[in-house]
């Protein structure tokens, strides 16, 4: 995050005065309202408090929320769990970078065979159990309504799995304990992406090879699959990155802008010079001076 923070400081934002951070431990997930979720619910409350305090300390001005990746899903939940009167009072603009609105095929690899995340000398199978234990990873599995039932995401000699088959997939890879939380806690979060009625800008990378279909051989899920790649930001599939545009294009009272930056990956969007200029110029420089 350092290059992004430094870019904001260069145009006048001051850490602790007009610029605040809200980090989250992504080992913990979130659950629908009415379900216990101590860490996730506490984070949303603390984020709400921070927003109100930042506004109060700056003359009551509404704030700009900037998220990256999973943070976008948390922000959307925060907005929709508070009344529209609160949103209109405290939120000027929500800028979401690389948000996986509909999950990723990459997460199916993570659950099935582990994912080294590009770290050298790390054997994926050695980190598989740890990655399965991170609650937020379940939230990032492909959304059935966005990926559909026709698109095969994982293919084995004995079965083919679409986004509608995730529960069966979790059982078949040897992680049946993930089925109940997926059905009871994750699906209710993903069934409906509700427009919050505040201005939103999604900034995404495109044109980077991104896992689209995984092919497993006779040795099963303890080996790494052959991969067919499609478009996205290298981590999140394009259909997921563009989910809000496809779902909300005709929504009244919802301002939505999508900015695509070709060749910028999921994480490099935080430090790529062209991406940073796009983020700052379009969303922060003018609004900070207003």
Protein backbone atom coordinates (compact mmCIF):
# COMPACT_ATOMS: atom_id res chain seq x y z
CA UNK A 1 0.00 0.00 0.00
CA UNK A 2 2.98 2.36 0.48
CA UNK A 3 3.12 3.78 -3.09
CA UNK A 4 -0.62 4.48 -3.03
CA UNK A 5 -0.43 6.16 0.38
CA UNK A 6 2.56 8.23 -0.71
CA UNK A 7 0.70 9.35 -3.84
CA UNK A 8 -2.19 10.58 -1.69
CA UNK A 9 0.20 12.38 0.66
CA UNK A 10 1.82 14.13 -2.30
CA UNK A 11 -1.47 15.87 -3.15
CA UNK A 12 -2.09 17.01 0.39
CA UNK A 13 -3.57 14.18 2.43
CA UNK A 14 -2.11 13.88 5.94
CA UNK A 15 -1.84 10.59 7.78
CA UNK A 16 -4.02 10.60 10.88
CA UNK A 17 -5.79 13.82 9.92
CA UNK A 18 -7.31 13.40 6.46
CA UNK A 19 -5.96 9.93 5.65
CA UNK A 20 -6.82 6.83 7.70
CA UNK A 21 -6.18 3.11 7.32
CA UNK A 22 -8.41 0.18 8.25
CA UNK A 23 -6.46 -3.10 7.87
CA UNK A 24 -8.18 -6.44 8.30
CA UNK A 25 -7.03 -9.96 9.20
CA UNK A 26 -8.40 -11.90 6.24
CA UNK A 27 -8.10 -15.22 8.07
CA UNK A 28 -11.51 -14.24 9.46
CA UNK A 29 -14.63 -13.98 7.34
CA UNK A 30 -17.97 -12.28 7.57
CA UNK A 31 -21.45 -13.75 7.86
CA UNK A 32 -24.90 -12.48 6.92
CA UNK A 33 -26.76 -10.32 9.39
CA UNK A 34 -28.24 -12.48 12.12
CA UNK A 35 -25.32 -14.95 12.09
CA UNK A 36 -22.47 -14.79 14.63
CA UNK A 37 -19.31 -13.25 13.19
CA UNK A 38 -17.38 -11.65 16.03
CA UNK A 39 -14.27 -10.49 14.16
CA UNK A 40 -15.99 -9.45 10.94
CA UNK A 41 -18.87 -7.65 12.65
CA UNK A 42 -16.45 -5.89 15.04
CA UNK A 43 -14.42 -4.70 12.06
CA UNK A 44 -17.50 -3.25 10.34
CA UNK A 45 -18.47 -1.40 13.52
CA UNK A 46 -14.95 -0.04 13.97
CA UNK A 47 -14.85 1.02 10.32
CA UNK A 48 -18.17 2.83 10.75
CA UNK A 49 -16.82 4.58 13.84
CA UNK A 50 -13.65 5.58 11.99
CA UNK A 51 -15.68 7.06 9.12
CA UNK A 52 -17.78 9.14 11.52
CA UNK A 53 -14.71 10.32 13.45
CA UNK A 54 -12.85 11.23 10.23
CA UNK A 55 -15.84 13.23 9.06
CA UNK A 56 -16.27 15.00 12.40
CA UNK A 57 -12.59 15.96 12.58
CA UNK A 58 -12.79 17.48 9.10
CA UNK A 59 -15.73 19.80 9.51
CA UNK A 60 -18.41 17.19 8.87
CA UNK A 61 -17.34 16.54 5.29
CA UNK A 62 -18.30 13.13 3.87
CA UNK A 63 -15.44 10.71 3.27
CA UNK A 64 -13.98 8.90 0.30
CA UNK A 65 -13.61 5.16 0.88
CA UNK A 66 -10.77 3.42 -0.97
CA UNK A 67 -10.57 -0.37 -0.90
CA UNK A 68 -8.40 -3.03 -2.48
CA UNK A 69 -9.49 -6.58 -3.33
CA UNK A 70 -11.50 -8.23 -0.50
CA UNK A 71 -11.82 -4.81 1.12
CA UNK A 72 -14.37 -3.89 -1.53
CA UNK A 73 -16.68 -6.68 -0.40
CA UNK A 74 -16.42 -5.54 3.20
CA UNK A 75 -17.16 -1.92 2.27
CA UNK A 76 -20.23 -2.92 0.27
CA UNK A 77 -21.49 -4.90 3.26
CA UNK A 78 -20.86 -1.93 5.54
CA UNK A 79 -22.80 0.41 3.28
CA UNK A 80 -25.78 -1.89 2.91
CA UNK A 81 -25.95 -2.63 6.64
CA UNK A 82 -26.46 1.04 7.43
CA UNK A 83 -29.44 3.23 6.49
CA UNK A 84 -29.38 5.33 3.32
CA UNK A 85 -29.51 8.48 5.47
CA UNK A 86 -26.17 7.48 7.05
CA UNK A 87 -24.62 6.70 3.68
CA UNK A 88 -25.66 10.03 2.21
CA UNK A 89 -24.35 11.93 5.22
CA UNK A 90 -20.97 10.24 5.57
CA UNK A 91 -19.97 8.78 2.17
CA UNK A 92 -18.97 11.00 -0.73
CA UNK A 93 -17.47 8.32 -2.97
CA UNK A 94 -16.44 4.68 -2.85
CA UNK A 95 -13.41 3.72 -4.96
CA UNK A 96 -12.87 -0.05 -5.28
CA UNK A 97 -9.58 -1.36 -6.68
CA UNK A 98 -9.49 -4.92 -8.06
CA UNK A 99 -12.60 -5.99 -6.16
CA UNK A 100 -13.51 -9.68 -6.62
CA UNK A 101 -17.26 -9.05 -6.53
CA UNK A 102 -18.06 -12.52 -7.83
CA UNK A 103 -15.09 -14.49 -6.50
CA UNK A 104 -12.37 -16.19 -8.53
CA UNK A 105 -11.47 -19.53 -10.13
CA UNK A 106 -8.10 -19.04 -8.44
CA UNK A 107 -9.80 -19.85 -5.11
CA UNK A 108 -10.88 -23.25 -6.40
CA UNK A 109 -7.21 -24.05 -6.98
CA UNK A 110 -6.40 -22.80 -3.47
CA UNK A 111 -8.92 -25.12 -1.86
CA UNK A 112 -8.19 -28.12 -4.08
CA UNK A 113 -4.40 -28.15 -4.30
CA UNK A 114 -3.02 -25.20 -2.36
CA UNK A 115 -1.63 -22.02 -3.85
CA UNK A 116 1.93 -20.78 -3.44
CA UNK A 117 0.79 -17.27 -4.51
CA UNK A 118 3.99 -16.92 -6.47
CA UNK A 119 6.25 -17.28 -3.43
CA UNK A 120 9.39 -19.21 -4.50
CA UNK A 121 10.26 -22.53 -2.86
CA UNK A 122 6.78 -22.88 -1.34
CA UNK A 123 5.11 -26.22 -2.05
CA UNK A 124 1.38 -25.57 -2.58
CA UNK A 125 0.25 -28.73 -0.79
CA UNK A 126 2.15 -27.67 2.33
CA UNK A 127 0.01 -24.54 2.70
CA UNK A 128 -3.31 -26.06 1.57
CA UNK A 129 -4.66 -26.79 5.05
CA UNK A 130 -3.74 -23.34 6.31
CA UNK A 131 -5.43 -21.74 3.31
CA UNK A 132 -8.56 -23.82 3.82
CA UNK A 133 -8.72 -22.53 7.39
CA UNK A 134 -8.95 -18.88 6.29
CA UNK A 135 -12.66 -18.10 6.48
CA UNK A 136 -12.55 -15.30 3.92
CA UNK A 137 -11.32 -17.70 1.24
CA UNK A 138 -14.76 -19.31 1.16
CA UNK A 139 -16.22 -15.88 0.36
CA UNK A 140 -13.99 -15.67 -2.70
CA UNK A 141 -15.18 -18.86 -4.38
CA UNK A 142 -16.95 -18.24 -7.72
CA UNK A 143 -20.42 -16.70 -7.41
CA UNK A 144 -22.99 -19.02 -9.07
CA UNK A 145 -25.13 -16.18 -10.40
CA UNK A 146 -22.18 -14.49 -12.11
CA UNK A 147 -20.20 -17.49 -13.37
CA UNK A 148 -23.35 -19.45 -14.27
CA UNK A 149 -24.10 -23.14 -14.49
CA UNK A 150 -22.86 -23.77 -18.03
CA UNK A 151 -19.24 -22.69 -17.62
CA UNK A 152 -16.99 -25.58 -16.43
CA UNK A 153 -14.49 -24.29 -13.88
CA UNK A 154 -12.89 -27.56 -12.73
CA UNK A 155 -12.76 -30.73 -14.81
CA UNK A 156 -11.60 -34.14 -13.57
CA UNK A 157 -11.81 -37.62 -15.12
CA UNK A 158 -14.90 -38.27 -13.00
CA UNK A 159 -16.68 -34.93 -12.60
CA UNK A 160 -17.10 -31.41 -13.94
CA UNK A 161 -17.80 -28.53 -11.57
CA UNK A 162 -19.44 -25.21 -12.34
CA UNK A 163 -19.98 -22.40 -9.84
CA UNK A 164 -23.27 -24.08 -8.93
CA UNK A 165 -21.36 -27.20 -7.86
CA UNK A 166 -19.04 -25.59 -5.30
CA UNK A 167 -20.55 -27.42 -2.32
CA UNK A 168 -20.03 -30.79 -4.02
CA UNK A 169 -16.55 -29.66 -5.08
CA UNK A 170 -15.59 -28.88 -1.47
CA UNK A 171 -16.74 -32.34 -0.40
CA UNK A 172 -14.96 -34.12 -3.25
CA UNK A 173 -11.59 -32.43 -2.63
CA UNK A 174 -11.63 -33.75 0.94
CA UNK A 175 -12.90 -30.62 2.67
CA UNK A 176 -16.47 -31.55 3.66
CA UNK A 177 -16.25 -29.34 6.76
CA UNK A 178 -16.36 -26.36 4.40
CA UNK A 179 -19.78 -27.28 2.98
CA UNK A 180 -21.96 -26.12 5.86
CA UNK A 181 -20.33 -22.69 6.33
CA UNK A 182 -20.35 -22.21 2.56
CA UNK A 183 -24.08 -22.91 2.34
CA UNK A 184 -25.16 -21.14 5.52
CA UNK A 185 -22.76 -18.18 5.72
CA UNK A 186 -21.30 -17.54 2.27
CA UNK A 187 -24.14 -18.07 -0.19
CA UNK A 188 -26.42 -15.58 1.62
CA UNK A 189 -23.66 -12.97 1.29
CA UNK A 190 -23.24 -13.58 -2.43
CA UNK A 191 -26.81 -14.19 -3.58
CA UNK A 192 -27.51 -10.51 -4.07
CA UNK A 193 -25.13 -7.62 -4.64
CA UNK A 194 -27.24 -4.65 -3.55
CA UNK A 195 -26.56 -1.20 -4.98
CA UNK A 196 -25.89 1.12 -2.00
CA UNK A 197 -26.89 4.37 -3.68
CA UNK A 198 -23.55 6.15 -3.21
CA UNK A 199 -21.18 7.01 -6.10
CA UNK A 200 -18.86 4.10 -6.89
CA UNK A 201 -15.80 3.88 -9.11
CA UNK A 202 -14.33 0.44 -9.86
CA UNK A 203 -10.75 0.50 -11.11
CA UNK A 204 -9.56 -2.81 -12.50
CA UNK A 205 -6.72 -4.39 -14.41
CA UNK A 206 -7.45 -6.33 -17.60
CA UNK A 207 -5.53 -8.24 -20.23
CA UNK A 208 -3.59 -10.33 -17.71
CA UNK A 209 -3.76 -14.14 -18.00
CA UNK A 210 -6.13 -15.37 -15.31
CA UNK A 211 -7.13 -18.94 -14.37
CA UNK A 212 -10.40 -19.83 -16.07
CA UNK A 213 -10.61 -23.64 -16.10
CA UNK A 214 -8.63 -26.23 -14.12
CA UNK A 215 -8.02 -29.74 -15.52
CA UNK A 216 -7.06 -32.49 -13.07
CA UNK A 217 -5.68 -35.88 -14.12
CA UNK A 218 -5.93 -39.35 -12.66
CA UNK A 219 -3.83 -38.45 -9.60
CA UNK A 220 -6.57 -36.18 -8.30
CA UNK A 221 -6.31 -32.98 -6.31
CA UNK A 222 -2.90 -33.70 -4.77
CA UNK A 223 -1.28 -32.58 -7.99
CA UNK A 224 -1.31 -29.21 -9.70
CA UNK A 225 -3.77 -29.01 -12.61
CA UNK A 226 -3.37 -27.98 -16.19
CA UNK A 227 -4.82 -24.50 -16.56
CA UNK A 228 -6.71 -22.73 -19.32
CA UNK A 229 -6.39 -18.98 -18.93
CA UNK A 230 -8.76 -16.16 -19.76
CA UNK A 231 -9.01 -12.41 -19.18
CA UNK A 232 -8.76 -10.68 -15.82
CA UNK A 233 -6.14 -9.13 -13.58
CA UNK A 234 -4.11 -12.29 -13.02
CA UNK A 235 -6.09 -13.19 -9.89
CA UNK A 236 -9.70 -12.12 -10.44
CA UNK A 237 -11.65 -13.14 -13.54
CA UNK A 238 -13.06 -10.39 -15.74
CA UNK A 239 -16.68 -11.51 -15.14
CA UNK A 240 -16.10 -10.94 -11.42
CA UNK A 241 -14.32 -7.60 -11.82
CA UNK A 242 -17.17 -6.32 -14.02
CA UNK A 243 -19.99 -7.73 -11.88
CA UNK A 244 -21.36 -4.40 -10.69
CA UNK A 245 -21.43 -3.04 -14.23
CA UNK A 246 -23.36 -6.07 -15.48
CA UNK A 247 -25.79 -6.05 -12.54
CA UNK A 248 -26.35 -2.33 -12.01
CA UNK A 249 -26.13 -0.78 -15.49
CA UNK A 250 -29.80 0.24 -15.37
CA UNK A 251 -30.11 0.91 -11.65
CA UNK A 252 -31.65 4.26 -10.79
CA UNK A 253 -29.98 6.35 -8.08
CA UNK A 254 -26.73 4.42 -8.47
CA UNK A 255 -23.76 6.23 -10.02
CA UNK A 256 -21.20 3.70 -11.21
CA UNK A 257 -18.03 4.17 -13.24
CA UNK A 258 -15.69 1.37 -14.30
CA UNK A 259 -12.11 2.22 -15.31
CA UNK A 260 -10.10 -0.51 -17.02
CA UNK A 261 -6.29 -0.37 -17.09
CA UNK A 262 -4.85 -2.89 -19.50
CA UNK A 263 -1.86 -4.94 -18.39
CA UNK A 264 -2.12 -4.03 -14.71
CA UNK A 265 -2.35 -6.97 -12.32
CA UNK A 266 -4.33 -7.47 -9.11
CA UNK A 267 -1.52 -6.24 -6.86
CA UNK A 268 0.48 -4.01 -9.21
CA UNK A 269 -2.51 -1.66 -9.35
CA UNK A 270 -1.27 -0.43 -5.96
CA UNK A 271 2.14 0.63 -7.29
CA UNK A 272 1.99 0.92 -11.07
CA UNK A 273 2.63 4.58 -12.01
CA UNK A 274 -0.08 4.71 -14.67
CA UNK A 275 -2.60 3.07 -12.34
CA UNK A 276 -1.77 5.40 -9.46
CA UNK A 277 -2.14 8.44 -11.70
CA UNK A 278 -5.54 7.18 -12.85
CA UNK A 279 -6.67 6.56 -9.27
CA UNK A 280 -5.50 9.93 -7.96
CA UNK A 281 -6.42 12.09 -10.95
CA UNK A 282 -9.94 10.80 -11.39
CA UNK A 283 -11.00 10.26 -7.80
CA UNK A 284 -8.92 12.18 -5.28
CA UNK A 285 -7.16 15.27 -6.58
CA UNK A 286 -10.33 17.18 -7.51
CA UNK A 287 -12.39 15.93 -4.58
CA UNK A 288 -9.71 16.80 -2.03
CA UNK A 289 -9.71 20.41 -3.23
CA UNK A 290 -13.51 20.74 -3.15
